[in-house]
Amino acid sequence: MSAPFRLARGVRVADLSGIREGYALATAAQGHAVITVNVSAERLRDVVAELAALVVAPGFLVLQVGSNRAIEGELRVSESDPLHEDVHYLDGLSHERFRGIFARYADLWAHDGLIQFGFGSHAGVDEVFVGPYKIVHVYAADPDKYVRTLERLGFRESTPLRTVWNNFSSETPGQRSALADVEPTIWQAIEQLEHEGLYFAERRES
């Protein structure tokens, strides 16, 4: 029997029925491949490191986190208005430099429920991105290298792939939260990386 699927510390999901490791391959309207991957929390750090090593360098680090409460208070008139997230980039990274940054923050990024992160190429469509609820998305003009690596790591294709989004309802909600018992926090990590060239790019509706 396969091991149970584990969630990041900052993620809560009421119903994990049918959720297991695997991947699905699809084609975006723009023509590139989109690979969606369920990764159990205890393996997320290692799997992301393996996939990011395949991205054509130089590349960029992307970090997305919810806008702070004061900003949301200015932007949202009512509770029905959308929330927002801040997008940050650090450009021109070699694999070596990305690995060094990732080694410092990997546990935080893998377990904090609010942070989304990724590594993408400056040349063409080639990006590994960990989105909400720590679902991994790969965007690639050349998906074969990622599929081979996923298969080697024990992932099997399951199309359509059942993710936690399929199980959400008013009775079985999901929740994402920041880790408060860690140092640095996600906001402290962003501040630290600003000294290394990380910059705020835009604020989006989430």
Protein backbone atom coordinates (compact mmCIF):
# COMPACT_ATOMS: atom_id res chain seq x y z
CA MET A 1 0.00 0.00 0.00
CA SER A 2 1.34 3.46 -0.89
CA ALA A 3 2.26 5.93 1.84
CA PRO A 4 -0.39 8.54 2.75
CA PHE A 5 -0.17 11.90 1.00
CA ARG A 6 1.22 14.52 3.37
CA LEU A 7 0.51 18.25 3.36
CA ALA A 8 2.82 21.17 4.10
CA ARG A 9 2.65 22.52 7.65
CA GLY A 10 0.95 25.72 6.53
CA VAL A 11 -1.74 23.93 4.54
CA ARG A 12 -5.00 22.46 5.82
CA VAL A 13 -7.31 20.37 3.63
CA ALA A 14 -10.47 18.82 5.09
CA ASP A 15 -10.75 16.00 2.54
CA LEU A 16 -7.76 14.19 1.02
CA SER A 17 -9.82 11.43 -0.59
CA GLY A 18 -8.22 10.28 -3.83
CA ILE A 19 -5.20 12.58 -3.48
CA ARG A 20 -1.94 10.82 -4.27
CA GLU A 21 1.37 11.56 -5.93
CA GLY A 22 1.32 11.69 -9.72
CA TYR A 23 1.40 14.03 -12.68
CA ALA A 24 -0.76 15.10 -15.60
CA LEU A 25 0.39 16.48 -18.93
CA ALA A 26 -1.62 19.06 -20.88
CA THR A 27 -1.06 21.61 -23.63
CA ALA A 28 -1.67 25.32 -23.07
CA ALA A 29 -3.41 27.48 -25.63
CA GLN A 30 -0.04 29.04 -26.44
CA GLY A 31 1.29 25.61 -27.45
CA HIS A 32 3.67 24.80 -24.60
CA ALA A 33 3.22 21.89 -22.22
CA VAL A 34 1.84 22.23 -18.71
CA ILE A 35 2.71 19.46 -16.26
CA THR A 36 0.78 19.43 -12.98
CA VAL A 37 2.32 17.39 -10.17
CA ASN A 38 1.05 16.25 -6.78
CA VAL A 39 4.07 15.96 -4.48
CA SER A 40 3.79 14.76 -0.90
CA ALA A 41 5.24 17.33 1.51
CA GLU A 42 8.18 15.24 2.69
CA ARG A 43 9.46 15.04 -0.90
CA LEU A 44 8.68 18.54 -2.15
CA ARG A 45 12.09 20.06 -1.45
CA ASP A 46 14.01 17.29 -3.24
CA VAL A 47 11.61 17.05 -6.18
CA VAL A 48 11.67 20.79 -6.83
CA ALA A 49 15.47 20.79 -6.67
CA GLU A 50 15.63 18.01 -9.28
CA LEU A 51 13.16 19.72 -11.60
CA ALA A 52 14.72 23.18 -11.22
CA ALA A 53 18.08 21.74 -12.25
CA LEU A 54 16.56 21.09 -15.70
CA VAL A 55 15.56 24.71 -16.31
CA VAL A 56 17.76 26.39 -18.94
CA ALA A 57 19.96 28.95 -17.18
CA PRO A 58 20.35 31.83 -16.64
CA GLY A 59 17.01 32.00 -14.93
CA PHE A 60 14.89 33.95 -12.48
CA LEU A 61 13.55 33.28 -9.02
CA VAL A 62 9.91 34.25 -8.55
CA LEU A 63 8.27 34.66 -5.14
CA GLN A 64 4.56 35.43 -4.68
CA VAL A 65 2.95 36.18 -1.35
CA GLY A 66 -0.31 37.74 -0.26
CA SER A 67 -0.30 41.52 0.08
CA ASN A 68 -0.19 42.74 3.66
CA ARG A 69 -3.30 43.69 5.58
CA ALA A 70 -2.75 47.44 5.36
CA ILE A 71 -2.52 47.33 1.57
CA GLU A 72 -5.59 45.11 1.31
CA GLY A 73 -7.45 47.62 3.49
CA GLU A 74 -6.72 50.32 0.93
CA LEU A 75 -7.53 48.21 -2.15
CA ARG A 76 -10.65 46.35 -1.03
CA VAL A 77 -13.89 48.25 -0.56
CA SER A 78 -15.97 45.22 0.46
CA GLU A 79 -15.40 41.63 1.60
CA SER A 80 -16.42 40.40 -1.85
CA ASP A 81 -13.56 42.26 -3.54
CA PRO A 82 -10.61 40.07 -4.62
CA LEU A 83 -7.50 39.68 -2.49
CA HIS A 84 -4.09 40.55 -3.90
CA GLU A 85 -0.61 39.09 -4.01
CA ASP A 86 2.80 40.68 -4.45
CA VAL A 87 5.14 39.26 -7.09
CA HIS A 88 8.91 39.51 -6.66
CA TYR A 89 11.74 38.49 -9.01
CA LEU A 90 15.48 37.91 -8.78
CA ASP A 91 16.97 37.77 -12.27
CA GLY A 92 20.09 36.41 -13.94
CA LEU A 93 20.61 33.36 -11.73
CA SER A 94 22.93 30.50 -12.55
CA HIS A 95 21.97 27.04 -11.34
CA GLU A 96 24.64 27.32 -8.66
CA ARG A 97 23.27 30.58 -7.28
CA PHE A 98 19.68 29.34 -7.35
CA ARG A 99 20.71 26.17 -5.51
CA GLY A 100 22.43 28.27 -2.84
CA ILE A 101 19.34 30.43 -2.30
CA PHE A 102 17.03 27.43 -2.37
CA ALA A 103 19.15 25.57 0.18
CA ARG A 104 18.73 28.47 2.62
CA TYR A 105 14.98 28.81 2.28
CA ALA A 106 13.71 25.48 0.94
CA ASP A 107 12.11 24.24 4.15
CA LEU A 108 10.35 27.57 4.69
CA TRP A 109 9.10 27.77 1.10
CA ALA A 110 8.02 24.13 1.09
CA HIS A 111 5.94 24.43 4.27
CA ASP A 112 4.68 28.01 4.53
CA GLY A 113 1.14 28.06 3.21
CA LEU A 114 1.18 31.57 1.77
CA ILE A 115 4.37 31.57 -0.30
CA GLN A 116 4.41 30.51 -3.95
CA PHE A 117 7.80 30.18 -5.61
CA GLY A 118 9.55 29.03 -8.74
CA PHE A 119 12.57 29.07 -11.03
CA GLY A 120 12.20 29.92 -14.70
CA SER A 121 14.43 30.45 -17.70
CA HIS A 122 15.09 33.79 -19.37
CA ALA A 123 15.07 31.89 -22.69
CA GLY A 124 11.68 30.63 -23.85
CA VAL A 125 9.06 28.75 -21.88
CA ASP A 126 10.82 26.71 -19.20
CA GLU A 127 9.68 27.15 -15.59
CA VAL A 128 9.06 25.14 -12.44
CA PHE A 129 6.52 26.80 -10.14
CA VAL A 130 5.05 25.74 -6.79
CA GLY A 131 1.60 27.27 -6.52
CA PRO A 132 -1.17 27.37 -3.90
CA TYR A 133 -1.47 24.24 -1.75
CA LYS A 134 2.06 23.32 -2.95
CA ILE A 135 0.87 21.90 -6.24
CA VAL A 136 3.82 21.91 -8.67
CA HIS A 137 3.38 23.25 -12.19
CA VAL A 138 5.95 22.92 -14.97
CA TYR A 139 5.61 25.11 -18.06
CA ALA A 140 7.86 23.88 -20.84
CA ALA A 141 8.38 23.96 -24.58
CA ASP A 142 10.41 20.75 -24.05
CA PRO A 143 8.48 18.67 -21.49
CA ASP A 144 10.27 15.36 -22.14
CA LYS A 145 13.17 16.13 -19.79
CA TYR A 146 10.72 16.78 -16.96
CA VAL A 147 8.62 13.70 -17.67
CA ARG A 148 11.72 11.49 -17.66
CA THR A 149 12.82 12.91 -14.31
CA LEU A 150 9.38 12.55 -12.76
CA GLU A 151 9.18 8.93 -13.88
CA ARG A 152 12.64 8.28 -12.45
CA LEU A 153 11.49 9.76 -9.14
CA GLY A 154 8.55 7.38 -9.04
CA PHE A 155 5.74 9.60 -10.33
CA ARG A 156 3.24 8.12 -12.77
CA GLU A 157 1.00 9.88 -15.22
CA SER A 158 -2.59 10.23 -14.09
CA THR A 159 -4.70 12.25 -16.50
CA PRO A 160 -6.90 13.79 -15.26
CA LEU A 161 -4.98 14.29 -12.02
CA ARG A 162 -7.07 14.70 -8.88
CA THR A 163 -5.72 17.59 -6.80
CA VAL A 164 -6.97 19.08 -3.56
CA TRP A 165 -8.91 21.67 -5.58
CA ASN A 166 -11.24 18.88 -6.70
CA ASN A 167 -12.18 18.16 -3.09
CA PHE A 168 -12.97 21.70 -1.95
CA SER A 169 -16.51 22.66 -1.01
CA SER A 170 -18.22 24.68 1.68
CA GLU A 171 -18.23 21.51 3.81
CA THR A 172 -14.65 20.50 2.96
CA PRO A 173 -12.63 23.74 2.66
CA GLY A 174 -8.92 24.33 2.33
CA GLN A 175 -6.85 26.80 4.29
CA ARG A 176 -3.39 28.29 3.75
CA SER A 177 -1.51 30.14 6.48
CA ALA A 178 1.90 31.64 7.14
CA LEU A 179 4.24 29.90 9.56
CA ALA A 180 4.71 32.04 12.66
CA ASP A 181 7.04 29.70 14.57
CA VAL A 182 9.99 29.98 12.17
CA GLU A 183 12.89 32.32 11.57
CA PRO A 184 13.09 33.82 9.08
CA THR A 185 9.43 34.20 8.26
CA ILE A 186 8.46 34.54 4.60
CA TRP A 187 8.47 38.34 4.91
CA GLN A 188 11.87 38.35 6.57
CA ALA A 189 13.18 36.07 3.82
CA ILE A 190 11.93 38.48 1.16
CA GLU A 191 13.59 41.38 2.97
CA GLN A 192 16.87 39.44 3.15
CA LEU A 193 16.76 38.62 -0.54
CA GLU A 194 16.10 42.25 -1.43
CA HIS A 195 19.70 42.88 -0.39
CA GLU A 196 20.71 40.34 -3.05
CA GLY A 197 18.70 41.87 -5.88
CA LEU A 198 15.14 40.63 -5.34
CA TYR A 199 12.69 43.30 -6.49
CA PHE A 200 8.95 43.91 -6.34
CA ALA A 201 7.46 43.56 -9.84
CA GLU A 202 3.69 43.84 -9.53
CA ARG A 203 0.61 43.39 -7.39
CA ARG A 204 -2.02 41.03 -8.83
CA GLU A 205 -5.52 40.00 -7.93
CA SER A 206 -5.34 36.50 -6.51
